[in-house]
Amino acid sequence: MGKIKMGLFGFGKTGKIVANKIMSETDCILEWVIRQHKEELTYASQLLGYEFKQGEIFAKNDITEDFFRENPVDVIIDFSSSKAVYEYYAAAQIGIPIVSAISKYEPEDLAALKSYATKTAVLYSPNITVGINILMVAAQILQNIAPHADIEIVEEHFKEKKEVSGTAKKMAEVLSLKQSSIHSIRVGKTIGKHDIIFGFPNQTVRLMHESVDRAAFGQGAIFAAKFLIKQSPGLYSMEQIVSEMFKKNIPVY
């Protein structure tokens, strides 16, 4: 089997790390990158300091009706913005799988993404890291075991992040908690830390995940992409993949 051809939307701080991670994988190749504007250097690899050419740079206005047929990929990974979902409508129509790692969607944009699942496999997770999804599945299991526990969520991010973490909102959603159960801390250069605290009458259990390097997003996106290219049309999530892994690996004592 040849290398998995990947197309990437977004080349900001995280997008560059994701591009770098894709290029480091022996079984993947970065075919192209879509960003707002073209650069003097026309390949992502060159912009990242490499001498080889990989990941041709295109601007959004380069996307024509035939772009995805003329520049085919096995999967698209989106780390750009909420509105980018409309840029790859044509790709979804010809069955190219979509991995979306957008942390915050406007409702109408999320609805558009989900509508593509009738034509292709779509995986959406506001936090694409494997670890955070292990945390969410573990939290749901603990909640089922102890449904009367008090549960609070604490999310900690870098000082400049103004909005509430999309990951924390997702945690509250899957645990059927009100948004008031989320407590935000903004300090220093913290990439991302999430605690789910279960309070019992005489003890406390804490489930915690901390991202120590943005490369975790690239690893998660590649993990999701490799899963998705084998799936039929439908809507998938990292949480769903991880829950299946839990079922297959329940320890027997």
Protein backbone atom coordinates (compact mmCIF):
# COMPACT_ATOMS: atom_id res chain seq x y z
CA MET A 1 0.00 0.00 0.00
CA GLY A 2 1.30 3.48 -0.90
CA LYS A 3 1.59 6.43 1.41
CA ILE A 4 -1.56 8.10 2.70
CA LYS A 5 -2.00 11.39 0.84
CA MET A 6 -3.17 14.16 3.16
CA GLY A 7 -4.45 17.67 2.48
CA LEU A 8 -4.33 20.24 5.28
CA PHE A 9 -6.48 23.31 5.84
CA GLY A 10 -4.81 25.85 8.13
CA PHE A 11 -1.17 26.79 8.56
CA GLY A 12 -1.18 28.80 11.78
CA LYS A 13 0.73 27.93 14.94
CA THR A 14 -0.94 24.53 15.34
CA GLY A 15 -1.31 23.88 11.60
CA LYS A 16 2.45 24.20 11.09
CA ILE A 17 3.09 21.65 13.84
CA VAL A 18 0.52 19.30 12.30
CA ALA A 19 2.15 19.69 8.86
CA ASN A 20 5.54 18.95 10.37
CA LYS A 21 4.16 15.85 12.09
CA ILE A 22 2.56 14.53 8.88
CA MET A 23 5.86 14.94 7.00
CA SER A 24 7.68 12.99 9.71
CA GLU A 25 5.40 9.95 9.31
CA THR A 26 6.90 7.27 7.07
CA ASP A 27 3.50 6.14 5.75
CA CYS A 28 2.04 9.61 5.10
CA ILE A 29 2.70 12.42 2.66
CA LEU A 30 1.48 16.02 2.85
CA GLU A 31 0.14 16.72 -0.64
CA TRP A 32 -0.98 20.29 -0.14
CA VAL A 33 -1.85 23.01 2.37
CA ILE A 34 -4.62 25.59 2.06
CA ARG A 35 -4.04 28.92 3.81
CA GLN A 36 -5.36 32.48 3.46
CA HIS A 37 -2.61 33.72 1.15
CA LYS A 38 0.31 32.28 -0.80
CA GLU A 39 3.89 32.83 0.27
CA GLU A 40 7.01 33.45 -1.80
CA LEU A 41 8.03 29.89 -0.91
CA THR A 42 5.44 27.52 -2.38
CA TYR A 43 5.85 24.42 -0.21
CA ALA A 44 5.04 23.92 3.48
CA SER A 45 8.31 22.04 3.92
CA GLN A 46 10.30 25.07 2.74
CA LEU A 47 8.39 27.38 5.09
CA LEU A 48 9.32 25.01 7.91
CA GLY A 49 13.00 25.12 7.01
CA TYR A 50 13.43 21.90 5.03
CA GLU A 51 15.25 21.69 1.70
CA PHE A 52 12.90 19.08 0.18
CA LYS A 53 9.56 20.02 -1.37
CA GLN A 54 6.37 18.65 0.20
CA GLY A 55 2.97 20.17 0.89
CA GLU A 56 2.35 22.61 -1.96
CA ILE A 57 0.84 25.85 -0.69
CA PHE A 58 -2.45 27.07 -2.14
CA ALA A 59 -4.53 30.10 -1.20
CA LYS A 60 -8.26 29.80 -0.57
CA ASN A 61 -9.05 31.56 -3.83
CA ASP A 62 -7.15 28.79 -5.68
CA ILE A 63 -9.91 26.32 -4.80
CA THR A 64 -11.96 25.83 -7.94
CA GLU A 65 -14.78 23.39 -8.59
CA ASP A 66 -12.25 20.87 -9.94
CA PHE A 67 -9.48 21.49 -7.39
CA PHE A 68 -9.97 18.25 -5.45
CA ARG A 69 -10.13 16.12 -8.60
CA GLU A 70 -6.98 17.74 -9.95
CA ASN A 71 -5.20 17.52 -6.58
CA PRO A 72 -6.52 14.24 -5.10
CA VAL A 73 -5.87 13.20 -1.49
CA ASP A 74 -6.98 10.28 0.66
CA VAL A 75 -8.11 12.51 3.53
CA ILE A 76 -8.47 16.19 4.45
CA ILE A 77 -7.47 17.48 7.89
CA ASP A 78 -8.91 20.86 8.98
CA PHE A 79 -7.15 23.01 11.57
CA SER A 80 -8.27 26.37 10.15
CA SER A 81 -11.54 28.07 11.10
CA SER A 82 -15.28 27.54 11.39
CA LYS A 83 -16.01 28.94 7.91
CA ALA A 84 -13.48 26.74 6.11
CA VAL A 85 -16.07 23.94 6.07
CA TYR A 86 -17.57 25.42 2.89
CA GLU A 87 -14.20 25.35 1.12
CA TYR A 88 -14.16 21.55 0.93
CA TYR A 89 -17.81 20.96 0.06
CA ALA A 90 -16.74 19.63 -3.37
CA ALA A 91 -14.25 17.25 -1.73
CA ALA A 92 -16.98 15.73 0.44
CA GLN A 93 -19.22 15.26 -2.60
CA ILE A 94 -16.61 13.02 -4.27
CA GLY A 95 -16.09 10.98 -1.10
CA ILE A 96 -12.87 12.39 0.37
CA PRO A 97 -12.92 11.76 4.16
CA ILE A 98 -12.79 14.83 6.43
CA VAL A 99 -11.07 15.13 9.82
CA SER A 100 -12.11 18.35 11.57
CA ALA A 101 -10.24 19.57 14.63
CA ILE A 102 -11.90 22.99 14.83
CA SER A 103 -12.32 23.85 18.50
CA LYS A 104 -15.29 26.19 18.05
CA TYR A 105 -17.92 26.04 15.29
CA GLU A 106 -20.77 28.41 14.62
CA PRO A 107 -24.00 26.31 14.67
CA GLU A 108 -24.70 26.68 10.95
CA ASP A 109 -21.11 25.74 10.06
CA LEU A 110 -21.21 22.63 12.23
CA ALA A 111 -24.50 21.66 10.60
CA ALA A 112 -22.83 21.97 7.19
CA LEU A 113 -19.95 19.71 8.30
CA LYS A 114 -22.35 17.09 9.62
CA SER A 115 -24.33 17.16 6.37
CA TYR A 116 -21.23 15.93 4.51
CA ALA A 117 -21.49 12.64 6.41
CA THR A 118 -24.13 11.47 3.93
CA LYS A 119 -21.46 11.46 1.21
CA THR A 120 -18.25 10.62 3.03
CA ALA A 121 -16.73 9.71 6.39
CA VAL A 122 -16.49 12.76 8.67
CA LEU A 123 -14.72 12.80 12.03
CA TYR A 124 -15.24 15.82 14.26
CA SER A 125 -13.61 16.35 17.64
CA PRO A 126 -12.95 19.81 19.15
CA ASN A 127 -9.85 18.31 20.80
CA ILE A 128 -8.27 15.73 18.55
CA THR A 129 -5.66 14.47 21.02
CA VAL A 130 -5.94 10.80 21.92
CA GLY A 131 -5.32 11.47 25.62
CA ILE A 132 -8.18 13.93 26.13
CA ASN A 133 -10.62 11.48 24.57
CA ILE A 134 -9.38 8.69 26.83
CA LEU A 135 -10.12 11.08 29.70
CA MET A 136 -13.68 11.73 28.50
CA VAL A 137 -14.48 8.05 28.05
CA ALA A 138 -13.02 7.22 31.48
CA ALA A 139 -15.11 10.02 33.01
CA GLN A 140 -18.31 8.63 31.51
CA ILE A 141 -17.50 5.17 32.87
CA LEU A 142 -16.88 6.60 36.36
CA GLN A 143 -20.09 8.63 36.18
CA ASN A 144 -22.06 5.47 35.35
CA ILE A 145 -20.46 3.68 38.29
CA ALA A 146 -21.14 6.58 40.68
CA PRO A 147 -24.05 8.62 39.25
CA HIS A 148 -24.59 10.61 42.46
CA ALA A 149 -21.08 12.08 42.66
CA ASP A 150 -20.62 15.85 42.41
CA ILE A 151 -18.74 16.65 39.19
CA GLU A 152 -16.87 19.84 38.30
CA ILE A 153 -14.58 20.63 35.37
CA VAL A 154 -11.51 22.86 35.60
CA GLU A 155 -9.80 23.98 32.38
CA GLU A 156 -6.48 25.84 32.35
CA HIS A 157 -5.03 27.57 29.28
CA PHE A 158 -2.58 30.30 28.26
CA LYS A 159 -3.38 33.82 29.44
CA GLU A 160 -4.38 35.13 25.99
CA LYS A 161 -7.19 32.56 25.48
CA LYS A 162 -10.41 34.43 26.14
CA GLU A 163 -13.21 31.97 25.40
CA VAL A 164 -14.13 28.91 27.43
CA SER A 165 -12.36 25.78 26.19
CA GLY A 166 -14.34 23.93 23.53
CA THR A 167 -12.99 20.71 25.00
CA ALA A 168 -14.38 21.60 28.42
CA LYS A 169 -17.76 22.34 26.85
CA LYS A 170 -17.66 18.93 25.16
CA MET A 171 -16.85 17.30 28.51
CA ALA A 172 -19.83 19.01 30.11
CA GLU A 173 -22.03 17.88 27.23
CA VAL A 174 -21.05 14.20 27.39
CA LEU A 175 -21.45 14.19 31.18
CA SER A 176 -24.81 16.04 30.99
CA LEU A 177 -23.51 18.91 33.12
CA LYS A 178 -24.48 22.57 32.98
CA GLN A 179 -21.96 25.05 31.57
CA SER A 180 -21.73 26.55 35.08
CA SER A 181 -19.84 23.40 36.08
CA ILE A 182 -16.86 24.62 34.01
CA HIS A 183 -14.23 26.73 35.78
CA SER A 184 -11.59 28.51 33.69
CA ILE A 185 -8.06 29.50 34.65
CA ARG A 186 -5.91 31.69 32.40
CA VAL A 187 -2.26 31.82 33.34
CA GLY A 188 1.17 31.91 31.68
CA LYS A 189 1.79 29.83 28.57
CA THR A 190 -0.16 26.69 29.54
CA ILE A 191 -1.03 24.84 26.32
CA GLY A 192 -4.03 23.07 27.81
CA LYS A 193 -4.97 21.28 31.01
CA HIS A 194 -8.32 19.73 31.92
CA ASP A 195 -9.41 18.24 35.25
CA ILE A 196 -12.66 16.40 35.88
CA ILE A 197 -13.28 16.24 39.62
CA PHE A 198 -15.64 13.69 41.15
CA GLY A 199 -16.67 14.51 44.71
CA PHE A 200 -17.87 11.70 46.98
CA PRO A 201 -18.93 12.06 50.65
CA ASN A 202 -15.55 10.91 51.98
CA GLN A 203 -13.19 11.02 49.01
CA THR A 204 -12.37 12.78 45.77
CA VAL A 205 -11.33 11.32 42.42
CA ARG A 206 -9.59 13.53 39.81
CA LEU A 207 -9.11 12.65 36.16
CA MET A 208 -6.57 14.97 34.52
CA HIS A 209 -5.11 15.52 31.07
CA GLU A 210 -2.38 18.01 30.17
CA SER A 211 -1.00 18.81 26.73
CA VAL A 212 2.72 19.47 27.05
CA ASP A 213 3.38 19.94 23.32
CA ARG A 214 1.13 20.94 20.41
CA ALA A 215 2.53 17.95 18.52
CA ALA A 216 -0.16 15.96 20.36
CA PHE A 217 -2.72 17.54 18.02
CA GLY A 218 -0.79 16.31 15.00
CA GLN A 219 -0.50 12.82 16.42
CA GLY A 220 -4.23 12.75 17.13
CA ALA A 221 -5.15 14.03 13.67
CA ILE A 222 -2.99 11.40 11.96
CA PHE A 223 -4.45 8.69 14.22
CA ALA A 224 -7.96 9.86 13.27
CA ALA A 225 -7.13 10.06 9.56
CA LYS A 226 -5.75 6.51 9.44
CA PHE A 227 -8.95 5.27 11.09
CA LEU A 228 -11.27 7.32 8.89
CA ILE A 229 -9.97 6.30 5.47
CA LYS A 230 -11.19 2.76 6.17
CA GLN A 231 -14.73 3.81 7.10
CA SER A 232 -17.95 4.15 5.14
CA PRO A 233 -19.85 7.49 5.02
CA GLY A 234 -21.05 8.64 8.41
CA LEU A 235 -20.24 10.88 11.37
CA TYR A 236 -17.47 9.72 13.72
CA SER A 237 -15.63 11.07 16.76
CA MET A 238 -12.37 10.40 18.60
CA GLU A 239 -14.47 9.53 21.64
CA GLN A 240 -16.16 6.78 19.62
CA ILE A 241 -12.81 5.31 18.52
CA VAL A 242 -11.44 5.37 22.07
CA SER A 243 -14.59 3.80 23.54
CA GLU A 244 -14.20 0.88 21.13
CA MET A 245 -10.59 0.51 22.29
CA PHE A 246 -11.80 0.44 25.91
CA LYS A 247 -14.25 -2.35 25.10
CA LYS A 248 -11.56 -4.43 23.45
CA ASN A 249 -9.05 -3.97 26.28
CA ILE A 250 -11.00 -4.49 29.51
CA PRO A 251 -8.49 -6.18 31.86
CA VAL A 252 -9.30 -9.58 33.36
CA TYR A 253 -7.88 -10.24 36.82
